[in-house]
């Protein structure tokens, strides 16, 4: 357990370097997350005999990736970054990976912003190619969660989004304190647990869109719980009542919107 407690002291977030450019474990995990989601989607299409081709999925994958990256970055700038006004007046800097002539990569991505970008890209794709919007989102709802595990493990390996200070024996020393490995809690709650629920329920869904709506509710609940163990963003702290974080506020909004859609869609199905 002692090695586990001090794992960051014996582990580098940089996997390797190519021509002087550092390749971080987080970047590798991000790629694995995307590939795993695409693989699971193709497996579901084949196994469940869903009416969509691999070519359509590959094309959709590109659309969604663009939407997710744009949404995640813009969401972070709007909700979390302390220099929002600077980026809004200097938009060309939003995706600038260089600082003072050195490659530093792009840091700062918002999950909730990624959701908005994903939904917009999905809507535009389904309109252009005449595919059922809600059917496609249900496929995504089952495909994404396991990939999300890679993302959170990447956060852990990259020593980002660390947990709150704790005295639990499984804590990790980071930034001078023993902390919850909250990234791994999130990998389990937001990734593995949600995948199991939706995978087992997928053939019992009552209407197109039910799985993605349930995903929104389940993710919001899982993230809300996990935030109690995750260190609040240093630039924001608690935004209300001495305990509510921005992540929890956005998760509550996500649950409310998802529950509203569930009510509307279920009533429409019954009628």
Protein backbone atom coordinates (compact mmCIF):
# COMPACT_ATOMS: atom_id res chain seq x y z
CA UNK A 1 0.00 0.00 0.00
CA UNK A 2 2.93 2.33 0.66
CA UNK A 3 3.99 2.16 -3.02
CA UNK A 4 0.41 2.92 -4.03
CA UNK A 5 0.27 5.92 -1.70
CA UNK A 6 3.42 7.34 -3.32
CA UNK A 7 2.77 6.20 -6.88
CA UNK A 8 3.06 9.70 -8.34
CA UNK A 9 6.59 9.98 -6.99
CA UNK A 10 7.57 6.92 -9.05
CA UNK A 11 5.54 7.56 -12.19
CA UNK A 12 5.81 10.10 -14.99
CA UNK A 13 2.69 11.40 -16.75
CA UNK A 14 4.81 11.51 -19.93
CA UNK A 15 4.76 8.18 -21.76
CA UNK A 16 7.51 9.05 -24.28
CA UNK A 17 8.83 11.83 -26.49
CA UNK A 18 8.86 12.19 -30.27
CA UNK A 19 11.17 14.80 -31.77
CA UNK A 20 11.21 16.62 -28.45
CA UNK A 21 7.42 16.66 -28.10
CA UNK A 22 6.10 14.95 -24.97
CA UNK A 23 3.35 12.38 -25.43
CA UNK A 24 1.34 12.12 -22.23
CA UNK A 25 -0.47 9.05 -20.96
CA UNK A 26 -3.64 11.15 -20.95
CA UNK A 27 -3.42 11.64 -24.70
CA UNK A 28 -2.93 7.92 -25.24
CA UNK A 29 -5.90 7.15 -23.01
CA UNK A 30 -8.01 9.68 -24.91
CA UNK A 31 -7.28 7.90 -28.19
CA UNK A 32 -8.06 4.52 -26.60
CA UNK A 33 -11.34 5.92 -25.28
CA UNK A 34 -12.42 7.00 -28.75
CA UNK A 35 -11.39 3.74 -30.39
CA UNK A 36 -13.09 1.62 -27.73
CA UNK A 37 -16.34 3.57 -28.12
CA UNK A 38 -16.24 3.05 -31.90
CA UNK A 39 -15.45 -0.66 -31.50
CA UNK A 40 -18.30 -1.20 -29.03
CA UNK A 41 -20.70 0.66 -31.33
CA UNK A 42 -19.75 -1.58 -34.25
CA UNK A 43 -20.09 -4.68 -32.07
CA UNK A 44 -23.57 -3.61 -30.99
CA UNK A 45 -24.60 -2.90 -34.60
CA UNK A 46 -23.51 -6.39 -35.65
CA UNK A 47 -24.73 -8.28 -32.56
CA UNK A 48 -28.08 -6.49 -32.22
CA UNK A 49 -28.58 -6.19 -36.00
CA UNK A 50 -29.10 -2.42 -35.89
CA UNK A 51 -30.00 -0.53 -39.10
CA UNK A 52 -26.76 1.41 -39.62
CA UNK A 53 -23.59 0.57 -41.57
CA UNK A 54 -19.97 0.65 -40.47
CA UNK A 55 -19.30 3.36 -43.05
CA UNK A 56 -22.02 5.55 -41.53
CA UNK A 57 -20.55 4.97 -38.07
CA UNK A 58 -17.05 5.91 -39.23
CA UNK A 59 -18.39 9.12 -40.77
CA UNK A 60 -20.45 9.90 -37.68
CA UNK A 61 -17.37 9.29 -35.52
CA UNK A 62 -15.55 12.14 -37.29
CA UNK A 63 -18.49 14.52 -36.89
CA UNK A 64 -18.82 13.72 -33.20
CA UNK A 65 -15.10 14.04 -32.51
CA UNK A 66 -15.07 17.55 -33.95
CA UNK A 67 -18.17 18.47 -31.93
CA UNK A 68 -16.77 17.01 -28.70
CA UNK A 69 -13.41 18.78 -28.98
CA UNK A 70 -14.99 22.14 -29.80
CA UNK A 71 -17.66 21.79 -27.12
CA UNK A 72 -15.26 20.57 -24.45
CA UNK A 73 -12.79 23.40 -25.00
CA UNK A 74 -15.40 26.15 -25.29
CA UNK A 75 -17.29 24.74 -22.30
CA UNK A 76 -14.15 24.90 -20.16
CA UNK A 77 -13.50 28.48 -21.19
CA UNK A 78 -17.07 29.56 -20.43
CA UNK A 79 -17.58 27.65 -17.17
CA UNK A 80 -14.17 27.11 -15.59
CA UNK A 81 -11.38 29.24 -17.07
CA UNK A 82 -10.59 32.46 -15.14
CA UNK A 83 -9.54 34.14 -18.41
CA UNK A 84 -12.86 33.79 -20.23
CA UNK A 85 -12.93 37.39 -21.45
CA UNK A 86 -9.40 37.06 -22.88
CA UNK A 87 -10.28 34.02 -24.97
CA UNK A 88 -13.54 35.54 -26.16
CA UNK A 89 -11.64 38.58 -27.44
CA UNK A 90 -8.73 36.47 -28.74
CA UNK A 91 -10.53 33.37 -30.13
CA UNK A 92 -7.49 32.29 -32.16
CA UNK A 93 -5.77 31.47 -28.85
CA UNK A 94 -8.41 28.92 -27.80
CA UNK A 95 -6.65 26.03 -29.54
CA UNK A 96 -3.11 27.40 -29.50
CA UNK A 97 -0.87 24.57 -28.15
CA UNK A 98 2.22 26.81 -27.88
CA UNK A 99 3.27 29.16 -25.12
CA UNK A 100 6.35 31.37 -25.39
CA UNK A 101 7.40 29.35 -28.43
CA UNK A 102 7.22 26.00 -26.61
CA UNK A 103 4.72 23.19 -27.24
CA UNK A 104 2.64 22.76 -24.07
CA UNK A 105 -0.48 21.13 -25.54
CA UNK A 106 -4.06 22.18 -24.92
CA UNK A 107 -5.33 21.82 -21.36
CA UNK A 108 -8.76 22.54 -20.02
CA UNK A 109 -11.71 20.51 -21.27
CA UNK A 110 -15.25 20.44 -19.89
CA UNK A 111 -17.29 17.24 -19.99
CA UNK A 112 -20.59 19.11 -19.96
CA UNK A 113 -19.36 21.32 -22.81
CA UNK A 114 -18.41 18.16 -24.69
CA UNK A 115 -21.98 16.90 -24.27
CA UNK A 116 -23.38 20.04 -25.89
CA UNK A 117 -20.90 19.75 -28.77
CA UNK A 118 -21.72 16.08 -29.19
CA UNK A 119 -25.48 16.70 -29.30
CA UNK A 120 -25.12 19.51 -31.82
CA UNK A 121 -22.83 17.44 -34.08
CA UNK A 122 -25.20 14.46 -33.82
CA UNK A 123 -28.22 16.58 -34.71
CA UNK A 124 -26.52 18.07 -37.77
CA UNK A 125 -25.28 14.65 -38.88
CA UNK A 126 -28.71 13.01 -38.61
CA UNK A 127 -30.33 15.90 -40.47
CA UNK A 128 -27.82 15.69 -43.30
CA UNK A 129 -27.91 11.91 -43.69
CA UNK A 130 -31.57 11.32 -42.73
CA UNK A 131 -30.91 9.02 -39.74
CA UNK A 132 -33.15 8.75 -36.67
CA UNK A 133 -31.58 11.14 -34.13
CA UNK A 134 -32.79 9.32 -31.01
CA UNK A 135 -31.89 5.87 -32.34
CA UNK A 136 -28.33 7.02 -32.97
CA UNK A 137 -28.02 8.57 -29.52
CA UNK A 138 -29.17 5.33 -27.90
CA UNK A 139 -26.34 3.54 -29.67
CA UNK A 140 -23.90 6.14 -28.33
CA UNK A 141 -25.30 5.81 -24.80
CA UNK A 142 -24.16 2.18 -24.60
CA UNK A 143 -20.93 2.67 -26.54
CA UNK A 144 -19.42 5.61 -24.66
CA UNK A 145 -19.27 4.66 -20.93
CA UNK A 146 -16.49 2.06 -21.16
CA UNK A 147 -14.44 4.48 -23.22
CA UNK A 148 -14.95 7.00 -20.47
CA UNK A 149 -13.01 4.71 -18.13
CA UNK A 150 -9.90 5.33 -20.25
CA UNK A 151 -10.45 9.08 -19.93
CA UNK A 152 -10.60 9.04 -16.16
CA UNK A 153 -7.63 6.69 -15.89
CA UNK A 154 -5.85 9.18 -18.12
CA UNK A 155 -6.71 11.95 -15.65
CA UNK A 156 -5.26 9.78 -12.89
CA UNK A 157 -2.03 9.03 -14.75
CA UNK A 158 -1.70 12.68 -15.74
CA UNK A 159 -2.14 13.75 -12.11
CA UNK A 160 -5.07 16.00 -13.04
CA UNK A 161 -8.45 16.53 -11.40
CA UNK A 162 -7.10 15.18 -8.13
CA UNK A 163 -9.24 14.25 -5.14
CA UNK A 164 -9.86 15.96 -1.83
CA UNK A 165 -7.59 15.47 1.16
CA UNK A 166 -8.28 12.23 3.04
CA UNK A 167 -6.85 9.93 5.70
CA UNK A 168 -8.07 6.74 3.99
CA UNK A 169 -5.29 4.13 3.58
CA UNK A 170 -5.82 3.95 -0.20
CA UNK A 171 -5.21 7.68 -0.65
CA UNK A 172 -2.58 9.01 -3.08
CA UNK A 173 -0.02 11.67 -2.18
CA UNK A 174 -0.46 14.57 -4.60
CA UNK A 175 0.53 18.21 -4.19
CA UNK A 176 1.72 17.64 -0.64
CA UNK A 177 -1.36 15.85 0.72
CA UNK A 178 -2.88 12.38 0.85
CA UNK A 179 -5.90 12.56 -1.46
CA UNK A 180 -8.77 10.43 -2.70
CA UNK A 181 -8.01 8.81 -6.09
CA UNK A 182 -11.26 10.42 -7.22
CA UNK A 183 -10.46 9.92 -10.90
CA UNK A 184 -10.73 6.15 -10.32
CA UNK A 185 -13.98 6.57 -8.40
CA UNK A 186 -15.32 8.42 -11.44
CA UNK A 187 -14.03 5.72 -13.80
CA UNK A 188 -16.08 3.17 -11.87
CA UNK A 189 -19.23 5.25 -11.33
CA UNK A 190 -19.40 7.15 -14.62
CA UNK A 191 -17.90 4.43 -16.79
CA UNK A 192 -18.19 0.83 -15.68
CA UNK A 193 -21.39 1.07 -13.61
CA UNK A 194 -23.35 3.06 -16.20
CA UNK A 195 -22.18 0.73 -18.98
CA UNK A 196 -23.43 -2.35 -17.12
CA UNK A 197 -26.85 -0.80 -16.46
CA UNK A 198 -27.42 0.41 -20.03
CA UNK A 199 -25.92 -2.67 -21.68
CA UNK A 200 -28.25 -4.97 -19.77
CA UNK A 201 -31.28 -2.71 -20.28
CA UNK A 202 -30.74 -1.88 -23.96
CA UNK A 203 -33.08 -4.57 -25.35
CA UNK A 204 -35.86 -3.58 -22.97
CA UNK A 205 -36.05 0.09 -23.92
CA UNK A 206 -39.57 1.42 -24.44
CA UNK A 207 -38.80 4.11 -27.03
CA UNK A 208 -35.96 5.51 -29.12
CA UNK A 209 -34.06 7.96 -26.96
CA UNK A 210 -34.67 6.20 -23.65
CA UNK A 211 -31.09 4.95 -23.33
CA UNK A 212 -29.43 8.32 -23.95
CA UNK A 213 -31.88 10.01 -21.59
CA UNK A 214 -31.15 7.41 -18.91
CA UNK A 215 -27.46 7.97 -19.56
CA UNK A 216 -27.93 11.68 -18.87
CA UNK A 217 -29.69 10.95 -15.57
CA UNK A 218 -27.22 8.26 -14.49
CA UNK A 219 -24.15 10.28 -15.44
CA UNK A 220 -25.46 13.36 -13.68
CA UNK A 221 -26.08 11.34 -10.52
CA UNK A 222 -22.70 9.56 -10.70
CA UNK A 223 -20.81 12.81 -11.29
CA UNK A 224 -22.72 14.56 -8.49
CA UNK A 225 -21.65 11.84 -6.04
CA UNK A 226 -18.05 11.66 -7.31
CA UNK A 227 -17.65 15.44 -6.91
CA UNK A 228 -17.78 15.00 -3.12
CA UNK A 229 -14.40 13.29 -3.39
CA UNK A 230 -12.91 15.48 -6.12
CA UNK A 231 -11.02 18.67 -5.33
CA UNK A 232 -13.02 21.68 -6.55
CA UNK A 233 -11.43 23.66 -9.36
CA UNK A 234 -8.95 25.97 -7.67
CA UNK A 235 -10.08 29.01 -9.65
CA UNK A 236 -13.71 28.49 -8.63
CA UNK A 237 -13.82 26.65 -5.32
CA UNK A 238 -17.33 26.00 -4.02
CA UNK A 239 -19.85 28.11 -5.92
CA UNK A 240 -22.69 27.85 -3.38
CA UNK A 241 -23.51 26.89 0.19
CA UNK A 242 -19.95 25.94 1.09
CA UNK A 243 -20.17 22.55 -0.64
CA UNK A 244 -21.65 22.82 -4.16
CA UNK A 245 -19.14 22.66 -7.02
CA UNK A 246 -19.58 23.79 -10.61
CA UNK A 247 -19.49 20.14 -11.69
CA UNK A 248 -22.36 19.34 -9.32
CA UNK A 249 -24.40 22.34 -10.46
CA UNK A 250 -24.02 21.31 -14.11
CA UNK A 251 -24.84 17.71 -13.20
CA UNK A 252 -28.06 18.79 -11.49
CA UNK A 253 -29.00 20.72 -14.61
CA UNK A 254 -28.17 17.65 -16.71
CA UNK A 255 -30.44 15.46 -14.54
CA UNK A 256 -33.31 17.93 -14.71
CA UNK A 257 -33.10 18.32 -18.50
CA UNK A 258 -32.83 14.54 -18.98
CA UNK A 259 -35.77 13.86 -16.67
CA UNK A 260 -37.82 16.44 -18.58
CA UNK A 261 -37.05 14.72 -21.88
CA UNK A 262 -37.93 11.34 -20.36
CA UNK A 263 -41.32 12.68 -19.27
CA UNK A 264 -42.05 14.19 -22.67
CA UNK A 265 -40.85 11.19 -24.69
CA UNK A 266 -42.66 8.62 -22.51
CA UNK A 267 -45.96 10.55 -22.73
CA UNK A 268 -45.59 10.86 -26.50
CA UNK A 269 -44.95 7.11 -26.78
CA UNK A 270 -48.06 6.23 -24.73
CA UNK A 271 -50.25 8.51 -26.83
